N, C-alpha and C. Protein backbone atom coordinates (compact mmCIF):
# COMPACT_ATOMS: atom_id res chain seq x y z
N MET A 1 49.34 3.00 -47.61
CA MET A 1 49.60 2.30 -46.40
C MET A 1 50.90 1.51 -46.80
N PRO A 2 51.89 1.20 -45.42
CA PRO A 2 52.64 0.85 -45.23
C PRO A 2 52.53 -0.82 -45.85
N LYS A 3 53.77 -1.23 -46.32
CA LYS A 3 53.68 -2.99 -47.03
C LYS A 3 53.13 -3.57 -45.63
N ARG A 4 52.19 -4.55 -45.45
CA ARG A 4 51.91 -4.98 -44.15
C ARG A 4 53.62 -6.10 -43.64
N PRO A 5 53.76 -6.62 -42.33
CA PRO A 5 54.42 -7.15 -42.31
C PRO A 5 54.30 -8.48 -41.71
N SER A 6 55.30 -9.14 -41.29
CA SER A 6 54.87 -10.36 -40.85
C SER A 6 54.22 -10.32 -39.15
N ARG A 7 55.20 -9.18 -38.77
CA ARG A 7 54.43 -9.10 -37.16
C ARG A 7 53.40 -7.56 -37.28
N PRO A 8 52.39 -7.67 -37.48
CA PRO A 8 51.57 -6.25 -37.41
C PRO A 8 51.62 -5.38 -36.51
N ALA A 9 51.71 -5.89 -35.22
CA ALA A 9 51.91 -5.14 -33.90
C ALA A 9 53.13 -5.02 -33.76
N SER A 10 54.65 -5.03 -34.75
CA SER A 10 55.35 -4.40 -33.89
C SER A 10 55.61 -3.48 -33.62
N ARG A 11 56.87 -2.82 -33.09
CA ARG A 11 56.67 -1.10 -32.67
C ARG A 11 56.80 -0.65 -34.32
N LYS A 12 58.01 -1.04 -34.86
CA LYS A 12 57.76 -0.12 -35.82
C LYS A 12 57.09 0.37 -37.12
N TYR A 13 56.89 -0.74 -37.00
CA TYR A 13 54.98 -0.91 -38.12
C TYR A 13 53.95 0.28 -37.59
N ARG A 14 53.68 0.11 -36.21
CA ARG A 14 52.90 1.27 -35.38
C ARG A 14 53.43 2.19 -35.86
N PHE A 15 54.75 2.65 -35.47
CA PHE A 15 55.35 3.80 -35.64
C PHE A 15 55.11 4.53 -37.08
N ARG A 16 55.38 3.55 -37.58
CA ARG A 16 55.57 3.89 -39.50
C ARG A 16 53.97 4.61 -40.14
N ILE A 17 52.75 3.56 -39.38
CA ILE A 17 51.36 3.71 -39.78
C ILE A 17 51.35 5.47 -38.89
N GLY A 18 51.78 5.71 -37.75
CA GLY A 18 51.69 6.97 -37.14
C GLY A 18 52.20 8.23 -37.86
N TYR A 19 53.45 7.74 -38.76
CA TYR A 19 53.81 8.86 -39.08
C TYR A 19 53.40 9.25 -40.32
N GLU A 20 52.69 8.04 -40.98
CA GLU A 20 52.08 8.47 -42.51
C GLU A 20 50.84 8.78 -42.44
N GLY A 21 50.30 9.17 -41.28
CA GLY A 21 49.05 9.43 -40.72
C GLY A 21 49.36 11.37 -40.67
N GLU A 22 50.49 11.57 -40.02
CA GLU A 22 50.90 13.02 -39.50
C GLU A 22 51.19 13.36 -41.16
N TYR A 23 52.09 12.81 -41.78
CA TYR A 23 52.37 13.45 -43.01
C TYR A 23 51.47 13.10 -43.82
N TYR A 24 51.12 12.33 -43.96
CA TYR A 24 49.33 12.61 -45.29
C TYR A 24 49.03 13.96 -44.82
N LEU A 25 48.43 14.27 -43.48
CA LEU A 25 47.46 15.36 -42.99
C LEU A 25 48.03 16.51 -43.27
N MET A 26 49.47 16.30 -42.98
CA MET A 26 50.31 17.89 -43.03
C MET A 26 50.34 18.42 -44.59
N LYS A 27 50.50 17.35 -45.60
CA LYS A 27 50.41 17.19 -46.87
C LYS A 27 49.06 17.69 -47.74
N LYS A 28 48.31 17.85 -46.62
CA LYS A 28 46.74 18.02 -46.84
C LYS A 28 47.00 19.91 -46.63
N PHE A 29 47.40 20.35 -45.79
CA PHE A 29 47.62 22.05 -45.56
C PHE A 29 48.38 22.21 -46.82
N THR A 30 49.57 21.68 -47.05
CA THR A 30 50.56 22.35 -47.95
C THR A 30 50.70 22.69 -49.39
N GLU A 31 49.90 21.89 -49.62
CA GLU A 31 49.24 21.24 -50.92
C GLU A 31 48.65 22.80 -51.39
N LYS A 32 48.00 23.04 -50.67
CA LYS A 32 46.96 24.55 -51.36
C LYS A 32 48.00 25.43 -51.75
N ASN A 33 49.09 25.57 -51.06
CA ASN A 33 50.08 26.69 -51.54
C ASN A 33 49.68 27.80 -51.61
N ARG A 34 49.04 28.53 -51.14
CA ARG A 34 48.47 29.73 -51.08
C ARG A 34 48.26 30.59 -49.59
N PRO A 35 48.56 31.68 -49.39
CA PRO A 35 48.57 32.22 -47.69
C PRO A 35 47.24 31.84 -46.64
N GLY A 36 47.65 31.83 -45.57
CA GLY A 36 46.63 31.50 -44.80
C GLY A 36 46.30 29.97 -44.39
N PHE A 37 47.26 28.19 -45.22
CA PHE A 37 47.06 27.45 -45.57
C PHE A 37 48.24 26.79 -45.35
N TYR A 38 48.63 26.20 -44.28
CA TYR A 38 49.85 25.98 -44.03
C TYR A 38 50.08 24.87 -42.84
N ALA A 39 51.06 23.64 -42.65
CA ALA A 39 50.80 23.35 -41.41
C ALA A 39 52.51 22.80 -41.08
N VAL A 40 53.20 22.39 -39.89
CA VAL A 40 54.22 21.88 -39.86
C VAL A 40 54.24 20.88 -39.24
N ARG A 41 55.07 20.00 -39.28
CA ARG A 41 55.01 18.48 -38.26
C ARG A 41 56.30 18.98 -37.00
N THR A 42 55.66 18.49 -36.07
CA THR A 42 56.65 18.34 -35.36
C THR A 42 56.86 16.93 -34.45
N PRO A 43 57.84 16.34 -35.13
CA PRO A 43 58.30 14.75 -34.76
C PRO A 43 58.56 14.48 -33.35
N GLY A 44 58.07 13.52 -32.85
CA GLY A 44 58.82 13.32 -31.42
C GLY A 44 57.46 13.80 -30.59
N SER A 45 56.27 14.37 -30.72
CA SER A 45 55.53 14.63 -30.05
C SER A 45 55.53 13.25 -29.62
N GLY A 46 54.81 13.81 -27.70
CA GLY A 46 54.30 12.87 -27.10
C GLY A 46 55.06 12.18 -26.10
N THR A 47 56.46 12.30 -26.44
CA THR A 47 57.69 11.96 -25.86
C THR A 47 58.66 13.17 -25.37
N GLY A 48 59.52 12.39 -24.47
CA GLY A 48 60.05 13.63 -23.79
C GLY A 48 59.71 14.16 -22.50
N LYS A 49 59.74 15.57 -22.09
CA LYS A 49 59.59 16.76 -21.32
C LYS A 49 58.69 17.85 -22.11
N VAL A 50 59.27 17.62 -23.47
CA VAL A 50 58.92 19.16 -23.84
C VAL A 50 57.52 19.23 -24.56
N ILE A 51 56.33 19.68 -24.18
CA ILE A 51 54.85 19.45 -24.79
C ILE A 51 54.71 20.06 -25.82
N LYS A 52 54.28 18.97 -26.83
CA LYS A 52 53.95 19.64 -28.18
C LYS A 52 53.25 18.82 -28.97
N PRO A 53 52.38 19.35 -29.98
CA PRO A 53 51.34 17.99 -30.83
C PRO A 53 52.34 17.31 -32.00
N ASP A 54 51.59 16.70 -32.71
CA ASP A 54 51.96 16.24 -34.07
C ASP A 54 51.82 17.48 -34.87
N ILE A 55 51.01 18.22 -35.36
CA ILE A 55 51.40 18.86 -36.11
C ILE A 55 50.42 20.09 -35.80
N LEU A 56 51.46 21.63 -36.59
CA LEU A 56 50.58 22.71 -35.74
C LEU A 56 50.33 22.92 -37.12
N ALA A 57 48.93 23.56 -37.10
CA ALA A 57 48.29 24.16 -38.49
C ALA A 57 47.49 25.30 -38.83
N VAL A 58 47.63 26.08 -39.69
CA VAL A 58 46.95 27.80 -40.02
C VAL A 58 45.69 27.05 -41.43
N ASP A 59 44.22 26.97 -40.68
CA ASP A 59 43.11 26.62 -42.18
C ASP A 59 42.49 27.89 -41.97
N ASP A 60 42.74 28.65 -43.34
CA ASP A 60 42.08 29.82 -43.60
C ASP A 60 42.14 30.72 -42.64
N GLY A 61 43.68 30.83 -42.13
CA GLY A 61 43.91 31.82 -40.70
C GLY A 61 43.49 31.28 -39.47
N GLU A 62 42.63 30.47 -39.73
CA GLU A 62 42.70 29.38 -37.87
C GLU A 62 43.92 28.86 -37.65
N LEU A 63 44.16 28.97 -36.17
CA LEU A 63 45.61 28.09 -35.88
C LEU A 63 44.56 26.98 -34.83
N TYR A 64 45.56 25.63 -35.31
CA TYR A 64 45.56 24.67 -34.81
C TYR A 64 46.41 23.61 -34.31
N ALA A 65 46.01 23.12 -33.31
CA ALA A 65 47.29 22.14 -32.66
C ALA A 65 46.81 20.67 -32.91
N ILE A 66 47.19 20.06 -33.49
CA ILE A 66 46.14 18.93 -34.13
C ILE A 66 47.34 17.78 -33.76
N GLU A 67 46.41 16.90 -32.82
CA GLU A 67 47.43 15.39 -32.39
C GLU A 67 46.42 14.04 -33.01
N VAL A 68 47.45 13.49 -33.85
CA VAL A 68 46.56 12.26 -34.75
C VAL A 68 46.72 11.01 -34.69
N LYS A 69 46.06 10.43 -34.61
CA LYS A 69 46.11 9.05 -34.34
C LYS A 69 45.70 8.40 -35.54
N SER A 70 45.88 7.15 -35.46
CA SER A 70 45.53 6.13 -36.92
C SER A 70 45.46 4.80 -36.42
N THR A 71 44.56 3.90 -36.23
CA THR A 71 43.93 2.83 -36.13
C THR A 71 43.13 2.55 -36.85
N ASN A 72 43.68 0.81 -36.95
CA ASN A 72 42.80 -0.61 -37.48
C ASN A 72 41.56 -0.90 -37.27
N ARG A 73 41.47 -0.38 -36.09
CA ARG A 73 39.92 -0.92 -35.05
C ARG A 73 39.20 -0.29 -35.68
N GLU A 74 37.90 -0.39 -35.52
CA GLU A 74 36.28 0.24 -35.72
C GLU A 74 36.43 1.28 -34.63
N PHE A 75 37.08 1.56 -33.58
CA PHE A 75 37.28 2.61 -32.55
C PHE A 75 38.59 3.18 -32.05
N LEU A 76 38.21 3.98 -31.17
CA LEU A 76 39.69 4.85 -30.64
C LEU A 76 39.45 5.31 -29.43
N TYR A 77 40.04 5.13 -28.31
CA TYR A 77 39.70 5.81 -26.94
C TYR A 77 41.27 6.55 -26.80
N VAL A 78 41.00 8.23 -26.35
CA VAL A 78 41.89 8.55 -25.73
C VAL A 78 42.24 8.49 -24.48
N LYS A 79 43.32 8.65 -23.39
CA LYS A 79 43.27 9.22 -22.30
C LYS A 79 42.95 10.25 -22.39
N PRO A 80 43.01 10.83 -20.73
CA PRO A 80 42.67 12.09 -20.38
C PRO A 80 44.32 12.61 -20.16
N GLU A 81 45.43 11.70 -19.78
CA GLU A 81 46.96 12.34 -20.09
C GLU A 81 46.98 12.74 -21.71
N GLN A 82 47.10 12.21 -22.53
CA GLN A 82 47.03 12.67 -23.86
C GLN A 82 46.57 13.95 -24.37
N LEU A 83 45.47 14.31 -24.04
CA LEU A 83 44.05 15.39 -24.19
C LEU A 83 44.65 16.72 -23.21
N SER A 84 45.27 16.00 -22.21
CA SER A 84 45.64 17.19 -21.40
C SER A 84 47.07 17.72 -21.54
N ARG A 85 47.88 17.20 -22.39
CA ARG A 85 49.11 17.42 -22.92
C ARG A 85 48.40 18.77 -24.04
N LEU A 86 47.68 18.07 -25.33
CA LEU A 86 47.41 19.07 -25.82
C LEU A 86 46.48 20.28 -26.09
N VAL A 87 46.24 20.14 -24.47
CA VAL A 87 45.30 21.55 -24.18
C VAL A 87 45.90 22.15 -23.63
N THR A 88 47.35 21.77 -23.00
CA THR A 88 48.19 22.61 -21.95
C THR A 88 49.22 23.18 -23.24
N PHE A 89 49.41 22.40 -24.00
CA PHE A 89 50.19 23.19 -25.26
C PHE A 89 49.46 24.31 -25.80
N SER A 90 48.13 24.05 -26.06
CA SER A 90 47.24 25.08 -26.48
C SER A 90 47.20 26.25 -26.11
N LYS A 91 46.84 26.39 -24.58
CA LYS A 91 47.38 27.08 -23.76
C LYS A 91 48.38 28.30 -23.83
N LEU A 92 49.82 27.59 -23.52
CA LEU A 92 50.85 28.00 -23.99
C LEU A 92 51.84 28.50 -24.84
N PHE A 93 50.90 28.34 -25.52
CA PHE A 93 51.40 28.64 -27.14
C PHE A 93 50.61 29.60 -27.75
N GLU A 94 51.26 30.91 -27.32
CA GLU A 94 50.47 32.19 -27.13
C GLU A 94 50.92 32.92 -28.50
N VAL A 95 50.33 33.30 -29.72
CA VAL A 95 50.72 34.46 -30.55
C VAL A 95 49.85 35.56 -30.54
N ARG A 96 50.42 36.96 -30.16
CA ARG A 96 49.71 38.14 -30.01
C ARG A 96 50.61 39.40 -31.11
N CYS A 97 48.92 39.74 -31.75
CA CYS A 97 49.11 41.26 -32.65
C CYS A 97 49.92 41.97 -32.02
N LYS A 98 50.93 42.68 -32.51
CA LYS A 98 51.82 43.73 -32.26
C LYS A 98 50.56 44.87 -32.62
N GLU A 99 49.96 45.09 -33.70
CA GLU A 99 49.29 46.62 -33.76
C GLU A 99 48.12 45.92 -32.56
N CYS A 100 46.97 45.27 -32.68
CA CYS A 100 45.71 45.33 -31.57
C CYS A 100 46.19 45.01 -30.49
N GLY A 101 47.07 43.77 -30.04
CA GLY A 101 47.23 43.20 -28.79
C GLY A 101 46.30 41.99 -28.12
N HIS A 102 45.54 41.60 -29.57
CA HIS A 102 45.06 40.60 -29.66
C HIS A 102 45.69 39.42 -29.39
N LYS A 103 45.41 38.22 -28.60
CA LYS A 103 46.12 36.76 -28.36
C LYS A 103 45.94 35.97 -29.17
N ILE A 104 45.81 35.02 -29.79
CA ILE A 104 45.72 33.92 -30.79
C ILE A 104 46.23 32.74 -30.10
N ASN A 105 45.51 31.61 -29.69
CA ASN A 105 46.05 30.14 -28.97
C ASN A 105 45.25 29.38 -30.21
N PRO A 106 46.20 28.39 -30.38
CA PRO A 106 45.37 27.06 -31.47
C PRO A 106 44.77 26.34 -30.95
N ARG A 107 43.43 25.67 -31.56
CA ARG A 107 42.21 25.13 -31.02
C ARG A 107 43.32 23.97 -30.78
N PRO A 108 42.85 22.80 -30.08
CA PRO A 108 43.47 21.55 -30.04
C PRO A 108 42.01 20.90 -30.76
N VAL A 109 43.04 20.08 -31.66
CA VAL A 109 42.35 19.03 -32.14
C VAL A 109 42.75 17.58 -32.13
N LEU A 110 42.09 16.54 -32.17
CA LEU A 110 42.15 15.21 -32.18
C LEU A 110 42.20 14.93 -33.71
N ALA A 111 42.41 14.43 -34.53
CA ALA A 111 42.56 14.24 -35.88
C ALA A 111 42.71 12.38 -35.81
N ILE A 112 41.60 11.57 -36.14
CA ILE A 112 41.71 10.17 -36.24
C ILE A 112 41.67 9.78 -37.16
N ARG A 113 42.66 8.60 -37.80
CA ARG A 113 43.01 8.03 -39.36
C ARG A 113 42.34 6.65 -39.64
N PHE A 114 40.84 6.52 -39.67
CA PHE A 114 40.47 5.26 -39.41
C PHE A 114 41.23 4.58 -40.82
N LEU A 115 42.42 3.51 -40.84
CA LEU A 115 42.66 2.76 -41.96
C LEU A 115 41.87 2.25 -43.01
N GLY A 116 41.78 2.83 -44.05
CA GLY A 116 40.82 2.39 -45.13
C GLY A 116 39.48 2.71 -45.50
N ARG A 117 39.30 3.46 -44.30
CA ARG A 117 37.92 4.24 -44.02
C ARG A 117 38.34 5.99 -44.07
N GLY A 118 38.73 6.34 -43.50
CA GLY A 118 38.60 8.19 -43.80
C GLY A 118 39.34 8.50 -42.18
N TRP A 119 38.43 9.81 -42.17
CA TRP A 119 39.33 10.72 -40.51
C TRP A 119 38.08 11.10 -40.26
N VAL A 120 38.61 11.47 -38.71
CA VAL A 120 37.20 11.83 -37.94
C VAL A 120 38.32 13.47 -37.31
N PHE A 121 37.18 14.42 -37.10
CA PHE A 121 38.25 15.20 -36.45
C PHE A 121 37.46 15.51 -35.00
N ARG A 122 38.00 15.89 -34.46
CA ARG A 122 37.43 16.31 -32.50
C ARG A 122 38.02 17.32 -31.98
N GLU A 123 37.06 18.38 -32.19
CA GLU A 123 38.05 19.57 -31.17
C GLU A 123 37.59 19.36 -29.75
N VAL A 124 38.82 19.09 -28.85
CA VAL A 124 39.30 18.67 -27.62
C VAL A 124 38.68 19.78 -26.46
N GLU A 125 37.66 20.25 -25.61
CA GLU A 125 37.27 20.76 -25.08
C GLU A 125 37.65 20.23 -23.71
N ASP A 126 37.45 19.11 -23.05
CA ASP A 126 37.59 19.28 -21.68
C ASP A 126 38.71 18.12 -21.47
N PRO A 127 39.97 18.22 -21.14
CA PRO A 127 41.11 17.65 -21.36
C PRO A 127 41.04 16.17 -19.99
N THR A 128 39.92 16.40 -19.80
CA THR A 128 39.93 15.32 -18.06
C THR A 128 39.23 14.26 -18.34
N LYS A 129 38.31 14.33 -19.52
CA LYS A 129 37.50 13.31 -19.49
C LYS A 129 37.92 12.48 -21.23
N PRO A 130 38.36 11.14 -20.89
CA PRO A 130 38.49 10.66 -21.78
C PRO A 130 37.24 10.84 -23.00
N ILE A 131 38.39 10.48 -24.65
CA ILE A 131 37.42 10.62 -25.61
C ILE A 131 37.22 9.27 -26.71
N PHE A 132 35.78 8.75 -26.80
CA PHE A 132 36.22 7.43 -27.33
C PHE A 132 35.21 7.88 -28.79
N VAL A 133 36.20 7.58 -30.13
CA VAL A 133 34.96 7.53 -31.44
C VAL A 133 35.16 6.24 -31.96
N ARG A 134 34.21 6.49 -32.44
CA ARG A 134 33.50 5.10 -33.45
C ARG A 134 33.80 5.64 -34.50
N TYR A 135 34.24 5.07 -35.58
CA TYR A 135 34.22 5.21 -36.85
C TYR A 135 33.18 4.61 -37.46
N GLN A 136 31.31 5.11 -37.36
CA GLN A 136 30.21 4.38 -38.23
C GLN A 136 29.63 5.79 -38.26
N GLU A 137 29.48 5.94 -39.75
CA GLU A 137 28.93 7.04 -40.41
C GLU A 137 29.52 8.45 -39.16
N HIS A 138 30.60 8.69 -38.85
CA HIS A 138 31.11 9.71 -37.81
C HIS A 138 30.65 9.66 -36.79
N GLU A 139 30.08 8.74 -36.27
CA GLU A 139 29.62 8.71 -34.90
C GLU A 139 30.70 9.02 -34.61
N GLU A 140 30.72 9.77 -33.27
CA GLU A 140 31.30 10.68 -32.16
C GLU A 140 30.86 10.09 -31.03
N ARG A 141 31.62 9.75 -29.75
CA ARG A 141 30.88 10.37 -28.96
C ARG A 141 31.82 9.93 -27.40
N THR A 142 31.71 10.89 -26.62
CA THR A 142 32.69 10.82 -25.23
C THR A 142 32.23 9.59 -24.18
N THR A 143 32.78 9.25 -23.34
CA THR A 143 32.47 8.50 -22.22
C THR A 143 31.51 8.77 -21.40
N GLU A 144 30.91 10.10 -21.66
CA GLU A 144 30.19 10.86 -20.64
C GLU A 144 29.09 10.31 -21.32
N GLN A 145 28.88 10.64 -22.54
CA GLN A 145 27.63 10.07 -23.62
C GLN A 145 27.16 8.79 -23.76
N GLN A 146 28.17 7.74 -23.59
CA GLN A 146 28.27 6.54 -23.28
C GLN A 146 27.23 6.10 -22.09
N GLU A 147 27.43 6.98 -21.19
CA GLU A 147 26.64 6.48 -19.85
C GLU A 147 25.79 6.57 -19.85
N GLN A 148 24.93 7.87 -20.77
CA GLN A 148 23.79 8.16 -20.65
C GLN A 148 22.37 7.42 -21.14
């Protein structure tokens, strides 16, 4: 984790924490150094008009589009707009096998780094609903589950 600045809410510090989370996760894929496990970071995701995830990864042959979030809090709330961009990318990014014609799309995944505690991974199934994740023995909930 970067050295804590005099102003922890500063934009520069927040960007640094986000970058380090993305870089750490990318290294976890690439350090295996064997076929079927790799990742590339796509800097600048969430900005501009081009829809792209933070990381595009292959894990044991499975393709993933990963949006990485880092937080100091006990919980994280992700808006539907952010989830929608990730799911849209996953639908548009299509790989087709030339031999059999099978189409492969990356699975949209939200990776949340709770600083000093660990990671929680959540596959995004419905981009129209926000996701609320609390780090408490990896207890995960959507806002719909909270209302019940």
